[in-house]
Amino acid sequence: MPIALNIDHTTLLIRKAAFERVGIVRSTIDERLGLTADEFVVEGGLIAIGPIHDEEALGSLIQDLEAAGLEWFEDLFEMSGNWPEWLKLFATAR
């Protein structure tokens, strides 16, 4: 099932296989970004993290994910949450 993306804040999308390949621990991300249980969603082959309110923490997290071996655009992508209210976006992995 597609994941609804937030219009007001950034959502970080990560391929689940890539996330698992590098051994990242969800609790570390939850703690760094102050996430609630509903702000880390796994659906099929996709992980959606957000809405993210702390842009500085997000930048630091992305740097750490890349240092761990994830590749920008191939494994992870940031959706800015900057689109008109009349547009509703959903994400899914294929």
N, C-alpha and C. Protein backbone atom coordinates (compact mmCIF):
# COMPACT_ATOMS: atom_id res chain seq x y z
N MET A 1 0.84 -1.18 0.00
CA MET A 1 0.00 0.00 0.00
C MET A 1 0.89 1.25 0.00
N PRO A 2 0.60 2.23 -0.81
CA PRO A 2 1.40 3.46 -0.86
C PRO A 2 1.35 4.22 0.47
N ILE A 3 2.41 4.95 0.73
CA ILE A 3 2.54 5.75 1.95
C ILE A 3 2.24 7.20 1.59
N ALA A 4 1.32 7.83 2.32
CA ALA A 4 1.02 9.24 2.10
C ALA A 4 2.19 10.09 2.58
N LEU A 5 2.57 11.07 1.78
CA LEU A 5 3.67 11.95 2.13
C LEU A 5 3.14 13.26 2.69
N ASN A 6 3.85 13.82 3.65
CA ASN A 6 3.43 15.03 4.35
C ASN A 6 3.71 16.27 3.52
N ILE A 7 2.75 17.14 3.45
CA ILE A 7 2.87 18.36 2.66
C ILE A 7 3.66 19.45 3.37
N ASP A 8 3.71 19.41 4.69
CA ASP A 8 4.28 20.51 5.46
C ASP A 8 5.75 20.32 5.86
N HIS A 9 6.23 19.09 5.85
CA HIS A 9 7.59 18.83 6.32
C HIS A 9 8.24 17.74 5.47
N THR A 10 9.54 17.65 5.59
CA THR A 10 10.33 16.69 4.84
C THR A 10 10.04 15.25 5.27
N THR A 11 10.05 14.36 4.29
CA THR A 11 10.00 12.92 4.53
C THR A 11 11.23 12.31 3.87
N LEU A 12 11.95 11.46 4.59
CA LEU A 12 13.10 10.76 4.06
C LEU A 12 12.65 9.38 3.63
N LEU A 13 12.89 9.04 2.37
CA LEU A 13 12.51 7.73 1.83
C LEU A 13 13.77 6.91 1.63
N ILE A 14 13.73 5.67 2.13
CA ILE A 14 14.88 4.77 2.05
C ILE A 14 14.41 3.40 1.55
N ARG A 15 15.17 2.82 0.63
CA ARG A 15 14.87 1.45 0.22
C ARG A 15 15.13 0.53 1.41
N LYS A 16 14.17 -0.30 1.72
CA LYS A 16 14.27 -1.19 2.88
C LYS A 16 15.48 -2.12 2.77
N ALA A 17 15.72 -2.68 1.60
CA ALA A 17 16.85 -3.60 1.42
C ALA A 17 18.18 -2.90 1.70
N ALA A 18 18.31 -1.65 1.28
CA ALA A 18 19.55 -0.89 1.53
C ALA A 18 19.71 -0.60 3.01
N PHE A 19 18.62 -0.24 3.67
CA PHE A 19 18.62 0.03 5.10
C PHE A 19 19.10 -1.21 5.87
N GLU A 20 18.56 -2.35 5.50
CA GLU A 20 18.92 -3.60 6.17
C GLU A 20 20.34 -4.03 5.82
N ARG A 21 20.78 -3.76 4.61
CA ARG A 21 22.11 -4.16 4.16
C ARG A 21 23.22 -3.52 5.01
N VAL A 22 23.04 -2.29 5.40
CA VAL A 22 24.09 -1.60 6.15
C VAL A 22 23.91 -1.70 7.66
N GLY A 23 22.87 -2.38 8.10
CA GLY A 23 22.70 -2.66 9.53
C GLY A 23 22.33 -1.46 10.38
N ILE A 24 21.60 -0.53 9.82
CA ILE A 24 21.16 0.64 10.59
C ILE A 24 20.08 0.20 11.58
N VAL A 25 20.09 0.81 12.75
CA VAL A 25 19.13 0.48 13.80
C VAL A 25 18.08 1.59 13.89
N ARG A 26 16.84 1.20 13.78
CA ARG A 26 15.73 2.16 13.79
C ARG A 26 15.73 3.02 15.05
N SER A 27 15.98 2.44 16.19
CA SER A 27 15.91 3.19 17.45
C SER A 27 16.88 4.37 17.46
N THR A 28 18.00 4.24 16.79
CA THR A 28 18.96 5.33 16.70
C THR A 28 18.36 6.50 15.92
N ILE A 29 17.69 6.20 14.83
CA ILE A 29 17.05 7.25 14.02
C ILE A 29 15.90 7.89 14.80
N ASP A 30 15.10 7.06 15.46
CA ASP A 30 14.00 7.58 16.27
C ASP A 30 14.51 8.59 17.30
N GLU A 31 15.59 8.22 17.96
CA GLU A 31 16.16 9.08 19.00
C GLU A 31 16.73 10.37 18.43
N ARG A 32 17.47 10.27 17.33
CA ARG A 32 18.10 11.45 16.73
C ARG A 32 17.09 12.46 16.22
N LEU A 33 15.99 11.96 15.66
CA LEU A 33 15.00 12.86 15.07
C LEU A 33 13.80 13.10 15.98
N GLY A 34 13.75 12.43 17.13
CA GLY A 34 12.61 12.59 18.04
C GLY A 34 11.32 12.10 17.43
N LEU A 35 11.37 10.95 16.77
CA LEU A 35 10.21 10.42 16.05
C LEU A 35 9.22 9.72 16.98
N THR A 36 7.97 9.76 16.58
CA THR A 36 6.93 8.95 17.22
C THR A 36 6.85 7.63 16.45
N ALA A 37 6.10 6.69 16.97
CA ALA A 37 5.95 5.39 16.30
C ALA A 37 5.37 5.53 14.90
N ASP A 38 4.51 6.51 14.67
CA ASP A 38 3.86 6.70 13.37
C ASP A 38 4.74 7.43 12.36
N GLU A 39 5.91 7.90 12.77
CA GLU A 39 6.76 8.68 11.88
C GLU A 39 7.90 7.86 11.28
N PHE A 40 7.85 6.55 11.47
CA PHE A 40 8.78 5.62 10.84
C PHE A 40 7.91 4.49 10.29
N VAL A 41 7.64 4.54 8.99
CA VAL A 41 6.69 3.61 8.38
C VAL A 41 7.43 2.71 7.40
N VAL A 42 7.18 1.41 7.52
CA VAL A 42 7.73 0.43 6.59
C VAL A 42 6.56 -0.18 5.83
N GLU A 43 6.63 -0.09 4.52
CA GLU A 43 5.57 -0.65 3.67
C GLU A 43 6.23 -1.27 2.46
N GLY A 44 6.12 -2.60 2.36
CA GLY A 44 6.76 -3.29 1.25
C GLY A 44 8.26 -3.06 1.30
N GLY A 45 8.83 -2.57 0.21
CA GLY A 45 10.27 -2.35 0.12
C GLY A 45 10.69 -0.92 0.42
N LEU A 46 9.82 -0.16 1.09
CA LEU A 46 10.10 1.25 1.31
C LEU A 46 9.96 1.63 2.78
N ILE A 47 10.87 2.49 3.24
CA ILE A 47 10.80 3.08 4.58
C ILE A 47 10.58 4.57 4.39
N ALA A 48 9.59 5.12 5.09
CA ALA A 48 9.33 6.55 5.06
C ALA A 48 9.53 7.08 6.48
N ILE A 49 10.41 8.04 6.62
CA ILE A 49 10.72 8.63 7.92
C ILE A 49 10.27 10.08 7.88
N GLY A 50 9.30 10.40 8.70
CA GLY A 50 8.84 11.78 8.75
C GLY A 50 7.37 11.88 9.11
N PRO A 51 6.88 13.05 9.26
CA PRO A 51 7.51 14.31 8.89
C PRO A 51 8.68 14.64 9.82
N ILE A 52 9.72 15.22 9.23
CA ILE A 52 10.92 15.59 9.98
C ILE A 52 10.90 17.10 10.19
N HIS A 53 11.00 17.49 11.44
CA HIS A 53 10.89 18.90 11.81
C HIS A 53 12.25 19.56 12.01
N ASP A 54 13.29 18.79 12.24
CA ASP A 54 14.63 19.32 12.52
C ASP A 54 15.52 19.12 11.30
N GLU A 55 15.64 20.15 10.47
CA GLU A 55 16.40 20.05 9.23
C GLU A 55 17.89 19.81 9.47
N GLU A 56 18.42 20.37 10.54
CA GLU A 56 19.85 20.16 10.86
C GLU A 56 20.11 18.69 11.21
N ALA A 57 19.23 18.11 12.01
CA ALA A 57 19.36 16.70 12.37
C ALA A 57 19.20 15.81 11.14
N LEU A 58 18.30 16.20 10.24
CA LEU A 58 18.11 15.45 9.00
C LEU A 58 19.38 15.46 8.17
N GLY A 59 20.01 16.63 8.01
CA GLY A 59 21.25 16.72 7.24
C GLY A 59 22.34 15.84 7.82
N SER A 60 22.45 15.86 9.14
CA SER A 60 23.45 15.03 9.82
C SER A 60 23.15 13.55 9.61
N LEU A 61 21.88 13.18 9.70
CA LEU A 61 21.48 11.78 9.50
C LEU A 61 21.80 11.33 8.08
N ILE A 62 21.50 12.15 7.10
CA ILE A 62 21.79 11.80 5.70
C ILE A 62 23.28 11.59 5.51
N GLN A 63 24.10 12.45 6.08
CA GLN A 63 25.56 12.27 5.99
C GLN A 63 25.98 10.93 6.59
N ASP A 64 25.40 10.58 7.74
CA ASP A 64 25.75 9.32 8.39
C ASP A 64 25.28 8.12 7.58
N LEU A 65 24.09 8.23 6.97
CA LEU A 65 23.58 7.14 6.15
C LEU A 65 24.48 6.93 4.92
N GLU A 66 24.92 8.01 4.33
CA GLU A 66 25.83 7.90 3.19
C GLU A 66 27.18 7.32 3.62
N ALA A 67 27.66 7.73 4.78
CA ALA A 67 28.93 7.20 5.30
C ALA A 67 28.81 5.70 5.59
N ALA A 68 27.61 5.24 5.91
CA ALA A 68 27.37 3.83 6.19
C ALA A 68 27.27 3.00 4.90
N GLY A 69 27.19 3.68 3.75
CA GLY A 69 27.16 2.96 2.50
C GLY A 69 25.92 3.16 1.65
N LEU A 70 24.95 3.94 2.12
CA LEU A 70 23.77 4.22 1.30
C LEU A 70 24.12 5.28 0.27
N GLU A 71 23.54 5.15 -0.92
CA GLU A 71 23.81 6.11 -1.99
C GLU A 71 22.59 6.99 -2.22
N TRP A 72 22.88 8.32 -2.28
CA TRP A 72 21.83 9.28 -2.53
C TRP A 72 21.17 8.97 -3.87
N PHE A 73 19.90 9.03 -3.91
CA PHE A 73 19.05 8.80 -5.06
C PHE A 73 18.85 7.32 -5.37
N GLU A 74 19.87 6.50 -5.23
CA GLU A 74 19.73 5.06 -5.46
C GLU A 74 19.10 4.37 -4.25
N ASP A 75 19.48 4.79 -3.05
CA ASP A 75 19.01 4.14 -1.82
C ASP A 75 18.13 5.03 -0.94
N LEU A 76 18.34 6.33 -1.03
CA LEU A 76 17.56 7.24 -0.19
C LEU A 76 17.29 8.53 -0.94
N PHE A 77 16.20 9.18 -0.53
CA PHE A 77 15.76 10.39 -1.20
C PHE A 77 14.94 11.22 -0.24
N GLU A 78 15.08 12.52 -0.32
CA GLU A 78 14.36 13.44 0.56
C GLU A 78 13.24 14.13 -0.22
N MET A 79 12.02 13.97 0.27
CA MET A 79 10.88 14.70 -0.30
C MET A 79 10.65 15.91 0.60
N SER A 80 10.77 17.08 0.04
CA SER A 80 10.80 18.32 0.82
C SER A 80 9.50 18.66 1.53
N GLY A 81 8.37 18.14 1.08
CA GLY A 81 7.10 18.55 1.66
C GLY A 81 6.70 19.93 1.17
N ASN A 82 7.26 20.34 0.05
CA ASN A 82 7.01 21.67 -0.48
C ASN A 82 6.26 21.56 -1.81
N TRP A 83 4.95 21.34 -1.72
CA TRP A 83 4.11 21.30 -2.91
C TRP A 83 2.75 21.86 -2.54
N PRO A 84 1.92 22.19 -3.50
CA PRO A 84 0.64 22.82 -3.20
C PRO A 84 -0.31 21.90 -2.44
N GLU A 85 -1.17 22.51 -1.65
CA GLU A 85 -2.13 21.76 -0.83
C GLU A 85 -3.07 20.90 -1.66
N TRP A 86 -3.35 21.30 -2.87
CA TRP A 86 -4.31 20.57 -3.69
C TRP A 86 -3.72 19.27 -4.25
N LEU A 87 -2.42 19.06 -4.04
CA LEU A 87 -1.75 17.87 -4.55
C LEU A 87 -1.44 16.91 -3.40
N LYS A 88 -1.91 15.69 -3.49
CA LYS A 88 -1.62 14.67 -2.48
C LYS A 88 -0.70 13.63 -3.11
N LEU A 89 0.46 13.39 -2.49
CA LEU A 89 1.43 12.46 -3.02
C LEU A 89 1.54 11.21 -2.18
N PHE A 90 1.77 10.09 -2.83
CA PHE A 90 1.97 8.80 -2.18
C PHE A 90 3.24 8.19 -2.72
N ALA A 91 3.92 7.38 -1.91
CA ALA A 91 5.15 6.72 -2.33
C ALA A 91 5.04 5.22 -2.11
N THR A 92 5.66 4.49 -3.01
CA THR A 92 5.76 3.04 -2.89
C THR A 92 7.04 2.61 -3.62
N ALA A 93 7.59 1.50 -3.24
CA ALA A 93 8.78 0.96 -3.92
C ALA A 93 8.34 -0.11 -4.90
N ARG A 94 9.12 -0.26 -5.94
CA ARG A 94 8.79 -1.34 -6.89
C ARG A 94 9.87 -2.38 -6.89
